[in-house]
PDB file of N, CA and C in Angstrom:
ATOM      1  N   MET A   1       2.372   5.081 -29.155  1.00  0.00           N
ATOM      2  CA  MET A   1       2.896   4.078 -28.244  1.00  0.00           C
ATOM      3  C   MET A   1       1.984   2.852 -28.286  1.00  0.00           C
ATOM      4  N   ASP A   2       2.569   1.721 -28.161  1.00  0.00           N
ATOM      5  CA  ASP A   2       1.846   0.453 -28.160  1.00  0.00           C
ATOM      6  C   ASP A   2       1.020   0.330 -26.875  1.00  0.00           C
ATOM      7  N   LYS A   3      -0.245  -0.044 -27.008  1.00  0.00           N
ATOM      8  CA  LYS A   3      -1.132  -0.156 -25.852  1.00  0.00           C
ATOM      9  C   LYS A   3      -0.674  -1.234 -24.883  1.00  0.00           C
ATOM     10  N   VAL A   4      -0.171  -2.323 -25.419  1.00  0.00           N
ATOM     11  CA  VAL A   4       0.292  -3.422 -24.562  1.00  0.00           C
ATOM     12  C   VAL A   4       1.489  -2.962 -23.730  1.00  0.00           C
ATOM     13  N   ALA A   5       2.395  -2.226 -24.359  1.00  0.00           N
ATOM     14  CA  ALA A   5       3.565  -1.717 -23.635  1.00  0.00           C
ATOM     15  C   ALA A   5       3.145  -0.704 -22.576  1.00  0.00           C
ATOM     16  N   LEU A   6       2.188   0.142 -22.916  1.00  0.00           N
ATOM     17  CA  LEU A   6       1.691   1.123 -21.956  1.00  0.00           C
ATOM     18  C   LEU A   6       1.035   0.435 -20.764  1.00  0.00           C
ATOM     19  N   LEU A   7       0.244  -0.579 -21.026  1.00  0.00           N
ATOM     20  CA  LEU A   7      -0.391  -1.338 -19.953  1.00  0.00           C
ATOM     21  C   LEU A   7       0.661  -2.017 -19.069  1.00  0.00           C
ATOM     22  N   ALA A   8       1.717  -2.519 -19.678  1.00  0.00           N
ATOM     23  CA  ALA A   8       2.799  -3.150 -18.916  1.00  0.00           C
ATOM     24  C   ALA A   8       3.502  -2.123 -18.033  1.00  0.00           C
ATOM     25  N   GLN A   9       3.678  -0.904 -18.526  1.00  0.00           N
ATOM     26  CA  GLN A   9       4.307   0.149 -17.726  1.00  0.00           C
ATOM     27  C   GLN A   9       3.422   0.541 -16.545  1.00  0.00           C
ATOM     28  N   ILE A  10       2.135   0.635 -16.799  1.00  0.00           N
ATOM     29  CA  ILE A  10       1.201   0.967 -15.716  1.00  0.00           C
ATOM     30  C   ILE A  10       1.226  -0.123 -14.656  1.00  0.00           C
ATOM     31  N   ARG A  11       1.204  -1.369 -15.089  1.00  0.00           N
ATOM     32  CA  ARG A  11       1.235  -2.494 -14.149  1.00  0.00           C
ATOM     33  C   ARG A  11       2.530  -2.484 -13.335  1.00  0.00           C
ATOM     34  N   ALA A  12       3.661  -2.241 -13.994  1.00  0.00           N
ATOM     35  CA  ALA A  12       4.949  -2.207 -13.292  1.00  0.00           C
ATOM     36  C   ALA A  12       4.976  -1.082 -12.260  1.00  0.00           C
ATOM     37  N   ALA A  13       4.426   0.073 -12.616  1.00  0.00           N
ATOM     38  CA  ALA A  13       4.394   1.193 -11.676  1.00  0.00           C
ATOM     39  C   ALA A  13       3.513   0.873 -10.473  1.00  0.00           C
ATOM     40  N   LEU A  14       2.357   0.266 -10.723  1.00  0.00           N
ATOM     41  CA  LEU A  14       1.469  -0.105  -9.620  1.00  0.00           C
ATOM     42  C   LEU A  14       2.095  -1.176  -8.731  1.00  0.00           C
ATOM     43  N   GLU A  15       2.797  -2.133  -9.332  1.00  0.00           N
ATOM     44  CA  GLU A  15       3.450  -3.178  -8.537  1.00  0.00           C
ATOM     45  C   GLU A  15       4.583  -2.602  -7.697  1.00  0.00           C
ATOM     46  N   ALA A  16       5.314  -1.632  -8.235  1.00  0.00           N
ATOM     47  CA  ALA A  16       6.376  -0.987  -7.460  1.00  0.00           C
ATOM     48  C   ALA A  16       5.781  -0.208  -6.294  1.00  0.00           C
ATOM     49  N   GLU A  17       4.684   0.491  -6.549  1.00  0.00           N
ATOM     50  CA  GLU A  17       4.018   1.233  -5.480  1.00  0.00           C
ATOM     51  C   GLU A  17       3.465   0.279  -4.425  1.00  0.00           C
ATOM     52  N   LEU A  18       2.933  -0.859  -4.868  1.00  0.00           N
ATOM     53  CA  LEU A  18       2.413  -1.860  -3.933  1.00  0.00           C
ATOM     54  C   LEU A  18       3.528  -2.401  -3.043  1.00  0.00           C
ATOM     55  N   ALA A  19       4.678  -2.677  -3.622  1.00  0.00           N
ATOM     56  CA  ALA A  19       5.801  -3.181  -2.828  1.00  0.00           C
ATOM     57  C   ALA A  19       6.235  -2.149  -1.789  1.00  0.00           C
ATOM     58  N   ALA A  20       6.283  -0.887  -2.193  1.00  0.00           N
ATOM     59  CA  ALA A  20       6.700   0.170  -1.269  1.00  0.00           C
ATOM     60  C   ALA A  20       5.686   0.362  -0.150  1.00  0.00           C
ATOM     61  N   ILE A  21       4.409   0.383  -0.487  1.00  0.00           N
ATOM     62  CA  ILE A  21       3.389   0.618   0.532  1.00  0.00           C
ATOM     63  C   ILE A  21       3.255  -0.587   1.454  1.00  0.00           C
ATOM     64  N   THR A  22       3.485  -1.782   0.941  1.00  0.00           N
ATOM     65  CA  THR A  22       3.448  -2.977   1.780  1.00  0.00           C
ATOM     66  C   THR A  22       4.581  -2.946   2.802  1.00  0.00           C
ATOM     67  N   ALA A  23       5.758  -2.534   2.362  1.00  0.00           N
ATOM     68  CA  ALA A  23       6.892  -2.416   3.284  1.00  0.00           C
ATOM     69  C   ALA A  23       6.627  -1.335   4.327  1.00  0.00           C
ATOM     70  N   SER A  24       6.056  -0.217   3.901  1.00  0.00           N
ATOM     71  CA  SER A  24       5.736   0.862   4.838  1.00  0.00           C
ATOM     72  C   SER A  24       4.691   0.421   5.855  1.00  0.00           C
ATOM     73  N   ALA A  25       3.704  -0.325   5.398  1.00  0.00           N
ATOM     74  CA  ALA A  25       2.669  -0.817   6.308  1.00  0.00           C
ATOM     75  C   ALA A  25       3.257  -1.783   7.329  1.00  0.00           C
ATOM     76  N   ALA A  26       4.179  -2.617   6.886  1.00  0.00           N
ATOM     77  CA  ALA A  26       4.826  -3.551   7.815  1.00  0.00           C
ATOM     78  C   ALA A  26       5.649  -2.793   8.853  1.00  0.00           C
ATOM     79  N   ASP A  27       6.350  -1.745   8.416  1.00  0.00           N
ATOM     80  CA  ASP A  27       7.126  -0.929   9.351  1.00  0.00           C
ATOM     81  C   ASP A  27       6.218  -0.226  10.356  1.00  0.00           C
ATOM     82  N   ALA A  28       5.115   0.325   9.875  1.00  0.00           N
ATOM     83  CA  ALA A  28       4.184   1.018  10.769  1.00  0.00           C
ATOM     84  C   ALA A  28       3.537   0.038  11.746  1.00  0.00           C
ATOM     85  N   ARG A  29       3.228  -1.154  11.264  1.00  0.00           N
ATOM     86  CA  ARG A  29       2.641  -2.171  12.150  1.00  0.00           C
ATOM     87  C   ARG A  29       3.643  -2.572  13.229  1.00  0.00           C
ATOM     88  N   SER A  30       4.888  -2.722  12.818  1.00  0.00           N
ATOM     89  CA  SER A  30       5.936  -3.057  13.782  1.00  0.00           C
ATOM     90  C   SER A  30       6.092  -1.946  14.817  1.00  0.00           C
ATOM     91  N   ALA A  31       6.040  -0.701  14.359  1.00  0.00           N
ATOM     92  CA  ALA A  31       6.157   0.433  15.283  1.00  0.00           C
ATOM     93  C   ALA A  31       4.963   0.496  16.231  1.00  0.00           C
ATOM     94  N   ALA A  32       3.789   0.159  15.736  1.00  0.00           N
ATOM     95  CA  ALA A  32       2.583   0.226  16.566  1.00  0.00           C
ATOM     96  C   ALA A  32       2.562  -0.852  17.635  1.00  0.00           C
ATOM     97  N   THR A  33       3.179  -1.989  17.356  1.00  0.00           N
ATOM     98  CA  THR A  33       3.137  -3.096  18.309  1.00  0.00           C
ATOM     99  C   THR A  33       4.424  -3.225  19.124  1.00  0.00           C
ATOM    100  N   HIS A  34       5.374  -2.348  18.888  1.00  0.00           N
ATOM    101  CA  HIS A  34       6.639  -2.393  19.622  1.00  0.00           C
ATOM    102  C   HIS A  34       6.408  -1.951  21.064  1.00  0.00           C
ATOM    103  N   GLU A  35       7.225  -2.458  21.957  1.00  0.00           N
ATOM    104  CA  GLU A  35       7.053  -2.126  23.375  1.00  0.00           C
ATOM    105  C   GLU A  35       7.274  -0.642  23.649  1.00  0.00           C
ATOM    106  N   ASP A  36       8.036   0.047  22.806  1.00  0.00           N
ATOM    107  CA  ASP A  36       8.247   1.482  22.988  1.00  0.00           C
ATOM    108  C   ASP A  36       7.016   2.301  22.611  1.00  0.00           C
ATOM    109  N   ALA A  37       6.032   1.677  21.993  1.00  0.00           N
ATOM    110  CA  ALA A  37       4.821   2.388  21.583  1.00  0.00           C
ATOM    111  C   ALA A  37       3.828   2.544  22.730  1.00  0.00           C
ATOM    112  N   LYS A  38       4.128   1.933  23.866  1.00  0.00           N
ATOM    113  CA  LYS A  38       3.239   2.085  25.016  1.00  0.00           C
ATOM    114  C   LYS A  38       3.241   3.552  25.451  1.00  0.00           C
ATOM    115  N   PRO A  39       2.070   4.090  25.721  1.00  0.00           N
ATOM    116  CA  PRO A  39       2.020   5.504  26.118  1.00  0.00           C
ATOM    117  C   PRO A  39       2.674   5.724  27.478  1.00  0.00           C
ATOM    118  N   GLU A  40       3.427   6.817  27.557  1.00  0.00           N
ATOM    119  CA  GLU A  40       4.075   7.169  28.821  1.00  0.00           C
ATOM    120  C   GLU A  40       3.114   7.924  29.733  1.00  0.00           C
ATOM    121  N   ASN A  41       2.141   8.602  29.113  1.00  0.00           N
ATOM    122  CA  ASN A  41       1.104   9.295  29.873  1.00  0.00           C
ATOM    123  C   ASN A  41      -0.151   9.360  29.009  1.00  0.00           C
ATOM    124  N   GLN A  42      -1.186   9.998  29.506  1.00  0.00           N
ATOM    125  CA  GLN A  42      -2.455   9.991  28.774  1.00  0.00           C
ATOM    126  C   GLN A  42      -2.408  10.786  27.482  1.00  0.00           C
ATOM    127  N   TYR A  43      -1.408  11.629  27.301  1.00  0.00           N
ATOM    128  CA  TYR A  43      -1.310  12.452  26.098  1.00  0.00           C
ATOM    129  C   TYR A  43      -0.363  11.869  25.051  1.00  0.00           C
ATOM    130  N   ASP A  44       0.268  10.773  25.364  1.00  0.00           N
ATOM    131  CA  ASP A  44       1.209  10.133  24.441  1.00  0.00           C
ATOM    132  C   ASP A  44       0.423   9.224  23.499  1.00  0.00           C
ATOM    133  N   THR A  45       0.369   9.601  22.237  1.00  0.00           N
ATOM    134  CA  THR A  45      -0.450   8.864  21.268  1.00  0.00           C
ATOM    135  C   THR A  45       0.376   8.249  20.144  1.00  0.00           C
ATOM    136  N   ARG A  46       1.664   8.061  20.364  1.00  0.00           N
ATOM    137  CA  ARG A  46       2.519   7.516  19.301  1.00  0.00           C
ATOM    138  C   ARG A  46       2.034   6.157  18.810  1.00  0.00           C
ATOM    139  N   GLY A  47       1.719   5.270  19.719  1.00  0.00           N
ATOM    140  CA  GLY A  47       1.265   3.933  19.334  1.00  0.00           C
ATOM    141  C   GLY A  47      -0.057   3.968  18.596  1.00  0.00           C
ATOM    142  N   LEU A  48      -0.961   4.805  19.063  1.00  0.00           N
ATOM    143  CA  LEU A  48      -2.263   4.942  18.411  1.00  0.00           C
ATOM    144  C   LEU A  48      -2.100   5.502  16.999  1.00  0.00           C
ATOM    145  N   GLU A  49      -1.259   6.520  16.856  1.00  0.00           N
ATOM    146  CA  GLU A  49      -1.018   7.107  15.536  1.00  0.00           C
ATOM    147  C   GLU A  49      -0.369   6.099  14.596  1.00  0.00           C
ATOM    148  N   ALA A  50       0.561   5.317  15.111  1.00  0.00           N
ATOM    149  CA  ALA A  50       1.216   4.299  14.282  1.00  0.00           C
ATOM    150  C   ALA A  50       0.222   3.226  13.848  1.00  0.00           C
ATOM    151  N   SER A  51      -0.719   2.879  14.724  1.00  0.00           N
ATOM    152  CA  SER A  51      -1.710   1.867  14.340  1.00  0.00           C
ATOM    153  C   SER A  51      -2.666   2.412  13.283  1.00  0.00           C
ATOM    154  N   TYR A  52      -3.042   3.685  13.384  1.00  0.00           N
ATOM    155  CA  TYR A  52      -3.870   4.305  12.338  1.00  0.00           C
ATOM    156  C   TYR A  52      -3.130   4.313  11.010  1.00  0.00           C
ATOM    157  N   LEU A  53      -1.858   4.666  11.054  1.00  0.00           N
ATOM    158  CA  LEU A  53      -1.048   4.703   9.840  1.00  0.00           C
ATOM    159  C   LEU A  53      -0.932   3.311   9.227  1.00  0.00           C
ATOM    160  N   ALA A  54      -0.679   2.314  10.051  1.00  0.00           N
ATOM    161  CA  ALA A  54      -0.556   0.941   9.549  1.00  0.00           C
ATOM    162  C   ALA A  54      -1.858   0.473   8.913  1.00  0.00           C
ATOM    163  N   GLY A  55      -2.973   0.788   9.536  1.00  0.00           N
ATOM    164  CA  GLY A  55      -4.264   0.396   8.980  1.00  0.00           C
ATOM    165  C   GLY A  55      -4.550   1.071   7.651  1.00  0.00           C
ATOM    166  N   ALA A  56      -4.243   2.349   7.563  1.00  0.00           N
ATOM    167  CA  ALA A  56      -4.474   3.082   6.316  1.00  0.00           C
ATOM    168  C   ALA A  56      -3.568   2.570   5.203  1.00  0.00           C
ATOM    169  N   GLN A  57      -2.327   2.283   5.542  1.00  0.00           N
ATOM    170  CA  GLN A  57      -1.406   1.777   4.526  1.00  0.00           C
ATOM    171  C   GLN A  57      -1.794   0.369   4.083  1.00  0.00           C
ATOM    172  N   ALA A  58      -2.284  -0.438   4.986  1.00  0.00           N
ATOM    173  CA  ALA A  58      -2.750  -1.774   4.603  1.00  0.00           C
ATOM    174  C   ALA A  58      -3.963  -1.667   3.681  1.00  0.00           C
ATOM    175  N   GLY A  59      -4.839  -0.727   3.959  1.00  0.00           N
ATOM    176  CA  GLY A  59      -5.983  -0.497   3.083  1.00  0.00           C
ATOM    177  C   GLY A  59      -5.556  -0.031   1.705  1.00  0.00           C
ATOM    178  N   ARG A  60      -4.557   0.837   1.662  1.00  0.00           N
ATOM    179  CA  ARG A  60      -4.024   1.304   0.376  1.00  0.00           C
ATOM    180  C   ARG A  60      -3.403   0.142  -0.386  1.00  0.00           C
ATOM    181  N   ALA A  61      -2.724  -0.746   0.310  1.00  0.00           N
ATOM    182  CA  ALA A  61      -2.120  -1.911  -0.344  1.00  0.00           C
ATOM    183  C   ALA A  61      -3.205  -2.812  -0.938  1.00  0.00           C
ATOM    184  N   GLN A  62      -4.300  -2.998  -0.225  1.00  0.00           N
ATOM    185  CA  GLN A  62      -5.402  -3.803  -0.758  1.00  0.00           C
ATOM    186  C   GLN A  62      -6.002  -3.152  -1.999  1.00  0.00           C
ATOM    187  N   ASP A  63      -6.136  -1.834  -1.965  1.00  0.00           N
ATOM    188  CA  ASP A  63      -6.670  -1.108  -3.117  1.00  0.00           C
ATOM    189  C   ASP A  63      -5.756  -1.270  -4.333  1.00  0.00           C
ATOM    190  N   LEU A  64      -4.459  -1.144  -4.121  1.00  0.00           N
ATOM    191  CA  LEU A  64      -3.513  -1.312  -5.223  1.00  0.00           C
ATOM    192  C   LEU A  64      -3.537  -2.735  -5.768  1.00  0.00           C
ATOM    193  N   ALA A  65      -3.633  -3.714  -4.885  1.00  0.00           N
ATOM    194  CA  ALA A  65      -3.694  -5.108  -5.335  1.00  0.00           C
ATOM    195  C   ALA A  65      -4.944  -5.343  -6.181  1.00  0.00           C
ATOM    196  N   ALA A  66      -6.054  -4.732  -5.797  1.00  0.00           N
ATOM    197  CA  ALA A  66      -7.287  -4.865  -6.577  1.00  0.00           C
ATOM    198  C   ALA A  66      -7.139  -4.199  -7.940  1.00  0.00           C
ATOM    199  N   ARG A  67      -6.479  -3.054  -7.981  1.00  0.00           N
ATOM    200  CA  ARG A  67      -6.265  -2.371  -9.264  1.00  0.00           C
ATOM    201  C   ARG A  67      -5.385  -3.205 -10.186  1.00  0.00           C
ATOM    202  N   ILE A  68      -4.363  -3.817  -9.617  1.00  0.00           N
ATOM    203  CA  ILE A  68      -3.483  -4.669 -10.424  1.00  0.00           C
ATOM    204  C   ILE A  68      -4.262  -5.868 -10.954  1.00  0.00           C
ATOM    205  N   ALA A  69      -5.092  -6.453 -10.111  1.00  0.00           N
ATOM    206  CA  ALA A  69      -5.906  -7.594 -10.547  1.00  0.00           C
ATOM    207  C   ALA A  69      -6.880  -7.181 -11.650  1.00  0.00           C
ATOM    208  N   ASN A  70      -7.419  -5.975 -11.558  1.00  0.00           N
ATOM    209  CA  ASN A  70      -8.355  -5.496 -12.581  1.00  0.00           C
ATOM    210  C   ASN A  70      -7.681  -5.290 -13.928  1.00  0.00           C
ATOM    211  N   LEU A  71      -6.386  -5.050 -13.930  1.00  0.00           N
ATOM    212  CA  LEU A  71      -5.673  -4.874 -15.195  1.00  0.00           C
ATOM    213  C   LEU A  71      -5.716  -6.142 -16.044  1.00  0.00           C
ATOM    214  N   GLU A  72      -5.881  -7.284 -15.401  1.00  0.00           N
ATOM    215  CA  GLU A  72      -5.944  -8.550 -16.132  1.00  0.00           C
ATOM    216  C   GLU A  72      -7.169  -8.625 -17.042  1.00  0.00           C
ATOM    217  N   PHE A  73      -8.207  -7.869 -16.707  1.00  0.00           N
ATOM    218  CA  PHE A  73      -9.466  -7.961 -17.437  1.00  0.00           C
ATOM    219  C   PHE A  73      -9.630  -6.886 -18.510  1.00  0.00           C
ATOM    220  N   ILE A  74      -8.635  -6.040 -18.670  1.00  0.00           N
ATOM    221  CA  ILE A  74      -8.717  -5.002 -19.696  1.00  0.00           C
ATOM    222  C   ILE A  74      -8.536  -5.638 -21.065  1.00  0.00           C
ATOM    223  N   GLN A  75      -9.467  -5.348 -21.920  1.00  0.00           N
ATOM    224  CA  GLN A  75      -9.384  -5.850 -23.294  1.00  0.00           C
ATOM    225  C   GLN A  75      -8.991  -4.680 -24.192  1.00  0.00           C
ATOM    226  N   LEU A  76      -7.812  -4.758 -24.731  1.00  0.00           N
ATOM    227  CA  LEU A  76      -7.306  -3.691 -25.587  1.00  0.00           C
ATOM    228  C   LEU A  76      -7.790  -3.902 -27.012  1.00  0.00           C
ATOM    229  N   LYS A  77      -8.303  -2.850 -27.601  1.00  0.00           N
ATOM    230  CA  LYS A  77      -8.798  -2.929 -28.974  1.00  0.00           C
ATOM    231  C   LYS A  77      -7.815  -2.221 -29.902  1.00  0.00           C
ATOM    232  N   ALA A  78      -7.596  -2.809 -31.032  1.00  0.00           N
ATOM    233  CA  ALA A  78      -6.726  -2.199 -32.037  1.00  0.00           C
ATOM    234  C   ALA A  78      -7.560  -1.283 -32.923  1.00  0.00           C
ATOM    235  N   TYR A  79      -7.025  -0.114 -33.191  1.00  0.00           N
ATOM    236  CA  TYR A  79      -7.721   0.835 -34.072  1.00  0.00           C
ATOM    237  C   TYR A  79      -6.894   1.096 -35.298  1.00  0.00           C
TER     238      TYR A  79
END
């Protein structure tokens, strides 16, 4: 398989994953800040859990964006 084509496939897969995780993070952030996320009692942690999820997904999105950016610096050698 051609290295350039393989690199393009890897980049496309990472970009698709980034788009999905970015959308998920936005949904989780919306759920965490929605008025229904207010706790009904001291044991209701839906809003807190949604905020943890949103933060983790945003961190994953940053990691994926960094990986995609690093692909620009790969120098493929022909053998």
